[in-house]
Amino acid sequence: MATSERVLRYLGSTRNIAGSCLALLGLLGHFLGLAGAYWPVVVIALYGAGALLAPPERVRLTISHAEVETRALRADLDGLLRRVDGRFPEDVHAAVRGLAEVVGGVLDRAEQLAASPDQLHVVSQTIRSYLPTSLEAYANLPRRYALTRRAGRERSAHEELLAQLALLDARMGQVAEAIHRGDEQALRDQGRFLRDRFGGSGLTLD
């Protein structure tokens, strides 16, 4: 593991948070004139005490099937993006990056995505078939040919590729929206449960 990654992990750890909270109390004591001349020692000691007394980080060794599948899909998407880098006009790259951002957001919701096999299939096919097939067909055309509209055709190959990328982006947007609707419904279900369980609260969740 890289040093920077270890540092970032520690910064977000329970030990660092607990130590930092106590150290801030030490600084507050200094500003209030309670820590005396040795306030730096007090701050460091409080940080150390907080870090030592903080509960250990929970260890999570199990990996769900959904995480396994989405990790593989993310690796395939990252590999595809590396292969296409620099091979296409900038507007195509921009469209691919936008599509990849939407797909990446969907992959972040592994459990929700895996709960809908149809949606998971669409995402998988987009990454492993639909997107690479469109890009590959375009990449095998001479650049001038791709940019020229042929007689009797409504679109050039370049325009056709952008249209296909837009279709894929729209479909991935629908998948993302479905996942967000599921999250919203879960929030509303929780709201109903809380109102039934703790009736009389002024909190309104819908």
C-alpha atoms as a PDB file:
ATOM      1  CA  MET A   1       0.000   0.000   0.000  1.00  0.00           C
ATOM      2  CA  ALA A   2       1.350   3.438  -0.918  1.00  0.00           C
ATOM      3  CA  THR A   3       2.376   5.779   1.874  1.00  0.00           C
ATOM      4  CA  SER A   4      -0.115   8.431   0.768  1.00  0.00           C
ATOM      5  CA  GLU A   5      -2.937   5.904   0.929  1.00  0.00           C
ATOM      6  CA  ARG A   6      -1.941   4.865   4.450  1.00  0.00           C
ATOM      7  CA  VAL A   7      -1.859   8.518   5.499  1.00  0.00           C
ATOM      8  CA  LEU A   8      -5.302   9.196   4.023  1.00  0.00           C
ATOM      9  CA  ARG A   9      -6.714   6.108   5.701  1.00  0.00           C
ATOM     10  CA  TYR A  10      -5.332   7.200   9.070  1.00  0.00           C
ATOM     11  CA  LEU A  11      -6.665  10.740   8.657  1.00  0.00           C
ATOM     12  CA  GLY A  12     -10.152   9.310   8.318  1.00  0.00           C
ATOM     13  CA  SER A  13      -9.723   6.769  11.107  1.00  0.00           C
ATOM     14  CA  THR A  14     -11.545   6.761  14.425  1.00  0.00           C
ATOM     15  CA  ARG A  15      -8.235   7.156  16.263  1.00  0.00           C
ATOM     16  CA  ASN A  16      -7.321  10.362  14.440  1.00  0.00           C
ATOM     17  CA  ILE A  17     -10.807  11.825  14.840  1.00  0.00           C
ATOM     18  CA  ALA A  18     -10.900  11.073  18.574  1.00  0.00           C
ATOM     19  CA  GLY A  19      -7.379  12.407  19.081  1.00  0.00           C
ATOM     20  CA  SER A  20      -8.123  15.548  17.104  1.00  0.00           C
ATOM     21  CA  CYS A  21     -11.268  16.256  19.140  1.00  0.00           C
ATOM     22  CA  LEU A  22      -9.359  16.052  22.412  1.00  0.00           C
ATOM     23  CA  ALA A  23      -6.507  18.121  20.970  1.00  0.00           C
ATOM     24  CA  LEU A  24      -9.028  20.817  20.023  1.00  0.00           C
ATOM     25  CA  LEU A  25     -10.211  20.837  23.619  1.00  0.00           C
ATOM     26  CA  GLY A  26      -6.599  21.404  24.635  1.00  0.00           C
ATOM     27  CA  LEU A  27      -6.340  24.334  22.242  1.00  0.00           C
ATOM     28  CA  LEU A  28      -9.568  25.746  23.613  1.00  0.00           C
ATOM     29  CA  GLY A  29      -8.128  25.476  27.105  1.00  0.00           C
ATOM     30  CA  HIS A  30      -5.047  27.381  25.950  1.00  0.00           C
ATOM     31  CA  PHE A  31      -7.136  30.193  24.455  1.00  0.00           C
ATOM     32  CA  LEU A  32      -9.101  30.375  27.692  1.00  0.00           C
ATOM     33  CA  GLY A  33      -5.878  30.595  29.688  1.00  0.00           C
ATOM     34  CA  LEU A  34      -6.306  27.213  31.364  1.00  0.00           C
ATOM     35  CA  ALA A  35      -3.403  25.255  29.850  1.00  0.00           C
ATOM     36  CA  GLY A  36      -0.499  27.410  31.010  1.00  0.00           C
ATOM     37  CA  ALA A  37       2.895  27.679  29.377  1.00  0.00           C
ATOM     38  CA  TYR A  38       3.007  23.971  28.580  1.00  0.00           C
ATOM     39  CA  TRP A  39      -0.077  23.993  26.404  1.00  0.00           C
ATOM     40  CA  PRO A  40       1.672  22.326  23.403  1.00  0.00           C
ATOM     41  CA  VAL A  41       2.497  19.344  25.622  1.00  0.00           C
ATOM     42  CA  VAL A  42      -1.090  19.271  26.848  1.00  0.00           C
ATOM     43  CA  VAL A  43      -2.446  19.319  23.288  1.00  0.00           C
ATOM     44  CA  ILE A  44      -0.111  16.507  22.189  1.00  0.00           C
ATOM     45  CA  ALA A  45      -0.924  14.476  25.296  1.00  0.00           C
ATOM     46  CA  LEU A  46      -4.654  14.874  24.732  1.00  0.00           C
ATOM     47  CA  TYR A  47      -4.303  13.842  21.101  1.00  0.00           C
ATOM     48  CA  GLY A  48      -2.348  10.757  22.124  1.00  0.00           C
ATOM     49  CA  ALA A  49      -4.883   9.859  24.798  1.00  0.00           C
ATOM     50  CA  GLY A  50      -7.753  10.176  22.332  1.00  0.00           C
ATOM     51  CA  ALA A  51      -5.967   8.073  19.726  1.00  0.00           C
ATOM     52  CA  LEU A  52      -5.146   5.362  22.264  1.00  0.00           C
ATOM     53  CA  LEU A  53      -8.589   5.243  23.867  1.00  0.00           C
ATOM     54  CA  ALA A  54     -10.549   5.316  20.616  1.00  0.00           C
ATOM     55  CA  PRO A  55     -12.306   2.048  19.717  1.00  0.00           C
ATOM     56  CA  PRO A  56     -10.449   0.015  17.078  1.00  0.00           C
ATOM     57  CA  GLU A  57     -11.554   0.177  13.476  1.00  0.00           C
ATOM     58  CA  ARG A  58     -14.014  -2.503  12.484  1.00  0.00           C
ATOM     59  CA  VAL A  59     -12.449  -5.183  10.316  1.00  0.00           C
ATOM     60  CA  ARG A  60     -14.448  -6.137   7.256  1.00  0.00           C
ATOM     61  CA  LEU A  61     -13.122  -9.166   5.401  1.00  0.00           C
ATOM     62  CA  THR A  62     -16.220 -10.398   3.608  1.00  0.00           C
ATOM     63  CA  ILE A  63     -16.949  -9.142   0.106  1.00  0.00           C
ATOM     64  CA  SER A  64     -20.471  -9.385  -1.270  1.00  0.00           C
ATOM     65  CA  HIS A  65     -21.222 -10.844  -4.674  1.00  0.00           C
ATOM     66  CA  ALA A  66     -22.429  -7.408  -5.757  1.00  0.00           C
ATOM     67  CA  GLU A  67     -19.062  -5.854  -4.860  1.00  0.00           C
ATOM     68  CA  VAL A  68     -17.193  -8.579  -6.740  1.00  0.00           C
ATOM     69  CA  GLU A  69     -19.254  -7.984  -9.867  1.00  0.00           C
ATOM     70  CA  THR A  70     -19.083  -4.190  -9.777  1.00  0.00           C
ATOM     71  CA  ARG A  71     -15.334  -4.229  -9.090  1.00  0.00           C
ATOM     72  CA  ALA A  72     -14.840  -6.346 -12.197  1.00  0.00           C
ATOM     73  CA  LEU A  73     -17.028  -4.004 -14.227  1.00  0.00           C
ATOM     74  CA  ARG A  74     -15.162  -0.960 -12.936  1.00  0.00           C
ATOM     75  CA  ALA A  75     -11.833  -2.579 -13.864  1.00  0.00           C
ATOM     76  CA  ASP A  76     -13.159  -3.268 -17.364  1.00  0.00           C
ATOM     77  CA  LEU A  77     -14.396   0.319 -17.682  1.00  0.00           C
ATOM     78  CA  ASP A  78     -11.066   1.745 -16.513  1.00  0.00           C
ATOM     79  CA  GLY A  79      -9.233  -0.515 -18.948  1.00  0.00           C
ATOM     80  CA  LEU A  80     -11.445   0.623 -21.815  1.00  0.00           C
ATOM     81  CA  LEU A  81     -10.874   4.286 -20.967  1.00  0.00           C
ATOM     82  CA  ARG A  82      -7.119   3.734 -20.992  1.00  0.00           C
ATOM     83  CA  ARG A  83      -7.274   2.058 -24.387  1.00  0.00           C
ATOM     84  CA  VAL A  84      -9.296   4.831 -26.019  1.00  0.00           C
ATOM     85  CA  ASP A  85      -7.287   7.689 -24.532  1.00  0.00           C
ATOM     86  CA  GLY A  86      -5.948   9.913 -27.310  1.00  0.00           C
ATOM     87  CA  ARG A  87      -7.512   7.917 -30.144  1.00  0.00           C
ATOM     88  CA  PHE A  88     -10.592  10.032 -30.761  1.00  0.00           C
ATOM     89  CA  PRO A  89     -11.585  13.676 -31.339  1.00  0.00           C
ATOM     90  CA  GLU A  90     -12.116  15.752 -28.215  1.00  0.00           C
ATOM     91  CA  ASP A  91     -15.917  15.824 -28.484  1.00  0.00           C
ATOM     92  CA  VAL A  92     -15.938  12.023 -28.525  1.00  0.00           C
ATOM     93  CA  HIS A  93     -13.604  11.913 -25.522  1.00  0.00           C
ATOM     94  CA  ALA A  94     -15.867  14.357 -23.680  1.00  0.00           C
ATOM     95  CA  ALA A  95     -18.930  12.221 -24.406  1.00  0.00           C
ATOM     96  CA  VAL A  96     -17.125   9.063 -23.270  1.00  0.00           C
ATOM     97  CA  ARG A  97     -15.921  10.749 -20.073  1.00  0.00           C
ATOM     98  CA  GLY A  98     -19.445  11.943 -19.294  1.00  0.00           C
ATOM     99  CA  LEU A  99     -20.841   8.471 -19.894  1.00  0.00           C
ATOM    100  CA  ALA A 100     -18.110   6.910 -17.758  1.00  0.00           C
ATOM    101  CA  GLU A 101     -18.923   9.305 -14.922  1.00  0.00           C
ATOM    102  CA  VAL A 102     -22.567   8.241 -14.939  1.00  0.00           C
ATOM    103  CA  VAL A 103     -21.622   4.552 -15.109  1.00  0.00           C
ATOM    104  CA  GLY A 104     -19.123   5.020 -12.291  1.00  0.00           C
ATOM    105  CA  GLY A 105     -21.817   6.533 -10.093  1.00  0.00           C
ATOM    106  CA  VAL A 106     -24.055   3.550 -10.792  1.00  0.00           C
ATOM    107  CA  LEU A 107     -21.249   1.111  -9.956  1.00  0.00           C
ATOM    108  CA  ASP A 108     -20.798   2.878  -6.610  1.00  0.00           C
ATOM    109  CA  ARG A 109     -24.233   1.534  -5.622  1.00  0.00           C
ATOM    110  CA  ALA A 110     -23.254  -2.121  -5.883  1.00  0.00           C
ATOM    111  CA  GLU A 111     -26.007  -3.628  -3.752  1.00  0.00           C
ATOM    112  CA  GLN A 112     -28.783  -1.593  -5.343  1.00  0.00           C
ATOM    113  CA  LEU A 113     -27.532  -2.417  -8.826  1.00  0.00           C
ATOM    114  CA  ALA A 114     -27.206  -6.133  -8.098  1.00  0.00           C
ATOM    115  CA  ALA A 115     -30.765  -6.155  -6.744  1.00  0.00           C
ATOM    116  CA  SER A 116     -32.005  -5.421 -10.283  1.00  0.00           C
ATOM    117  CA  PRO A 117     -30.616  -8.064 -12.685  1.00  0.00           C
ATOM    118  CA  ASP A 118     -32.018  -6.245 -15.719  1.00  0.00           C
ATOM    119  CA  GLN A 119     -30.248  -3.008 -14.796  1.00  0.00           C
ATOM    120  CA  LEU A 120     -27.032  -4.868 -13.983  1.00  0.00           C
ATOM    121  CA  HIS A 121     -27.187  -6.575 -17.388  1.00  0.00           C
ATOM    122  CA  VAL A 122     -27.579  -3.248 -19.183  1.00  0.00           C
ATOM    123  CA  VAL A 123     -24.616  -1.747 -17.314  1.00  0.00           C
ATOM    124  CA  SER A 124     -22.497  -4.834 -17.949  1.00  0.00           C
ATOM    125  CA  GLN A 125     -23.320  -4.879 -21.658  1.00  0.00           C
ATOM    126  CA  THR A 126     -22.679  -1.154 -21.963  1.00  0.00           C
ATOM    127  CA  ILE A 127     -19.186  -1.533 -20.526  1.00  0.00           C
ATOM    128  CA  ARG A 128     -18.249  -4.816 -22.166  1.00  0.00           C
ATOM    129  CA  SER A 129     -20.100  -4.699 -25.472  1.00  0.00           C
ATOM    130  CA  TYR A 130     -22.131  -1.661 -26.530  1.00  0.00           C
ATOM    131  CA  LEU A 131     -19.570   1.064 -25.823  1.00  0.00           C
ATOM    132  CA  PRO A 132     -16.412  -0.746 -27.004  1.00  0.00           C
ATOM    133  CA  THR A 133     -18.173  -1.975 -30.176  1.00  0.00           C
ATOM    134  CA  SER A 134     -19.216   1.549 -31.155  1.00  0.00           C
ATOM    135  CA  LEU A 135     -15.780   2.996 -30.423  1.00  0.00           C
ATOM    136  CA  GLU A 136     -13.958   0.184 -32.196  1.00  0.00           C
ATOM    137  CA  ALA A 137     -16.028   0.524 -35.365  1.00  0.00           C
ATOM    138  CA  TYR A 138     -15.299   4.253 -35.450  1.00  0.00           C
ATOM    139  CA  ALA A 139     -11.605   3.855 -34.659  1.00  0.00           C
ATOM    140  CA  ASN A 140     -11.127   1.570 -37.658  1.00  0.00           C
ATOM    141  CA  LEU A 141     -12.293   4.270 -40.056  1.00  0.00           C
ATOM    142  CA  PRO A 142      -9.875   6.806 -41.582  1.00  0.00           C
ATOM    143  CA  ARG A 143     -10.348  10.108 -39.752  1.00  0.00           C
ATOM    144  CA  ARG A 144     -11.272  12.088 -42.884  1.00  0.00           C
ATOM    145  CA  TYR A 145     -13.772   9.432 -43.943  1.00  0.00           C
ATOM    146  CA  ALA A 146     -15.347   9.412 -40.489  1.00  0.00           C
ATOM    147  CA  LEU A 147     -15.834  13.184 -40.518  1.00  0.00           C
ATOM    148  CA  THR A 148     -17.348  13.343 -44.010  1.00  0.00           C
ATOM    149  CA  ARG A 149     -21.057  12.890 -44.546  1.00  0.00           C
ATOM    150  CA  ARG A 150     -21.589  10.361 -47.361  1.00  0.00           C
ATOM    151  CA  ALA A 151     -24.108  11.008 -50.132  1.00  0.00           C
ATOM    152  CA  GLY A 152     -27.598   9.873 -49.208  1.00  0.00           C
ATOM    153  CA  ARG A 153     -26.799   9.527 -45.510  1.00  0.00           C
ATOM    154  CA  GLU A 154     -28.162  11.744 -42.769  1.00  0.00           C
ATOM    155  CA  ARG A 155     -25.065  11.523 -40.589  1.00  0.00           C
ATOM    156  CA  SER A 156     -21.350  11.173 -40.929  1.00  0.00           C
ATOM    157  CA  ALA A 157     -19.693   8.341 -39.029  1.00  0.00           C
ATOM    158  CA  HIS A 158     -18.561  10.915 -36.477  1.00  0.00           C
ATOM    159  CA  GLU A 159     -22.096  12.166 -35.955  1.00  0.00           C
ATOM    160  CA  GLU A 160     -23.356   8.597 -35.766  1.00  0.00           C
ATOM    161  CA  LEU A 161     -20.892   7.744 -32.999  1.00  0.00           C
ATOM    162  CA  LEU A 162     -21.887  10.825 -30.988  1.00  0.00           C
ATOM    163  CA  ALA A 163     -25.551   9.848 -31.402  1.00  0.00           C
ATOM    164  CA  GLN A 164     -24.823   6.345 -30.125  1.00  0.00           C
ATOM    165  CA  LEU A 165     -22.900   7.713 -27.150  1.00  0.00           C
ATOM    166  CA  ALA A 166     -25.850   9.990 -26.369  1.00  0.00           C
ATOM    167  CA  LEU A 167     -28.201   7.005 -26.433  1.00  0.00           C
ATOM    168  CA  LEU A 168     -25.962   5.074 -24.054  1.00  0.00           C
ATOM    169  CA  ASP A 169     -25.668   8.096 -21.780  1.00  0.00           C
ATOM    170  CA  ALA A 170     -29.453   8.486 -21.693  1.00  0.00           C
ATOM    171  CA  ARG A 171     -29.917   4.799 -20.861  1.00  0.00           C
ATOM    172  CA  MET A 172     -27.339   4.921 -18.084  1.00  0.00           C
ATOM    173  CA  GLY A 173     -29.081   8.038 -16.780  1.00  0.00           C
ATOM    174  CA  GLN A 174     -32.293   6.027 -16.550  1.00  0.00           C
ATOM    175  CA  VAL A 175     -30.489   3.307 -14.587  1.00  0.00           C
ATOM    176  CA  ALA A 176     -29.046   5.919 -12.220  1.00  0.00           C
ATOM    177  CA  GLU A 177     -32.464   7.527 -11.768  1.00  0.00           C
ATOM    178  CA  ALA A 178     -34.020   4.153 -10.957  1.00  0.00           C
ATOM    179  CA  ILE A 179     -31.373   3.566  -8.289  1.00  0.00           C
ATOM    180  CA  HIS A 180     -31.943   7.034  -6.816  1.00  0.00           C
ATOM    181  CA  ARG A 181     -35.702   6.439  -6.787  1.00  0.00           C
ATOM    182  CA  GLY A 182     -35.053   3.258  -4.841  1.00  0.00           C
ATOM    183  CA  ASP A 183     -32.964   5.199  -2.338  1.00  0.00           C
ATOM    184  CA  GLU A 184     -35.686   7.820  -2.030  1.00  0.00           C
ATOM    185  CA  GLN A 185     -38.313   5.130  -1.489  1.00  0.00           C
ATOM    186  CA  ALA A 186     -36.136   3.546   1.197  1.00  0.00           C
ATOM    187  CA  LEU A 187     -35.939   6.952   2.908  1.00  0.00           C
ATOM    188  CA  ARG A 188     -39.721   7.358   2.772  1.00  0.00           C
ATOM    189  CA  ASP A 189     -40.243   3.802   4.066  1.00  0.00           C
ATOM    190  CA  GLN A 190     -37.923   4.623   6.957  1.00  0.00           C
ATOM    191  CA  GLY A 191     -39.914   7.804   7.584  1.00  0.00           C
ATOM    192  CA  ARG A 192     -43.166   5.850   7.784  1.00  0.00           C
ATOM    193  CA  PHE A 193     -41.567   3.336  10.131  1.00  0.00           C
ATOM    194  CA  LEU A 194     -40.290   6.108  12.421  1.00  0.00           C
ATOM    195  CA  ARG A 195     -43.658   7.857  12.479  1.00  0.00           C
ATOM    196  CA  ASP A 196     -45.370   4.573  13.344  1.00  0.00           C
ATOM    197  CA  ARG A 197     -42.750   3.778  15.959  1.00  0.00           C
ATOM    198  CA  PHE A 198     -42.330   7.243  17.462  1.00  0.00           C
ATOM    199  CA  GLY A 199     -45.633   8.940  16.646  1.00  0.00           C
ATOM    200  CA  GLY A 200     -46.148  12.533  17.633  1.00  0.00           C
ATOM    201  CA  SER A 201     -42.786  13.820  16.407  1.00  0.00           C
ATOM    202  CA  GLY A 202     -42.777  17.057  14.439  1.00  0.00           C
ATOM    203  CA  LEU A 203     -40.288  15.610  11.949  1.00  0.00           C
ATOM    204  CA  THR A 204     -41.665  15.311   8.418  1.00  0.00           C
ATOM    205  CA  LEU A 205     -39.832  13.181   5.849  1.00  0.00           C
ATOM    206  CA  ASP A 206     -42.197  13.344   2.889  1.00  0.00           C
END
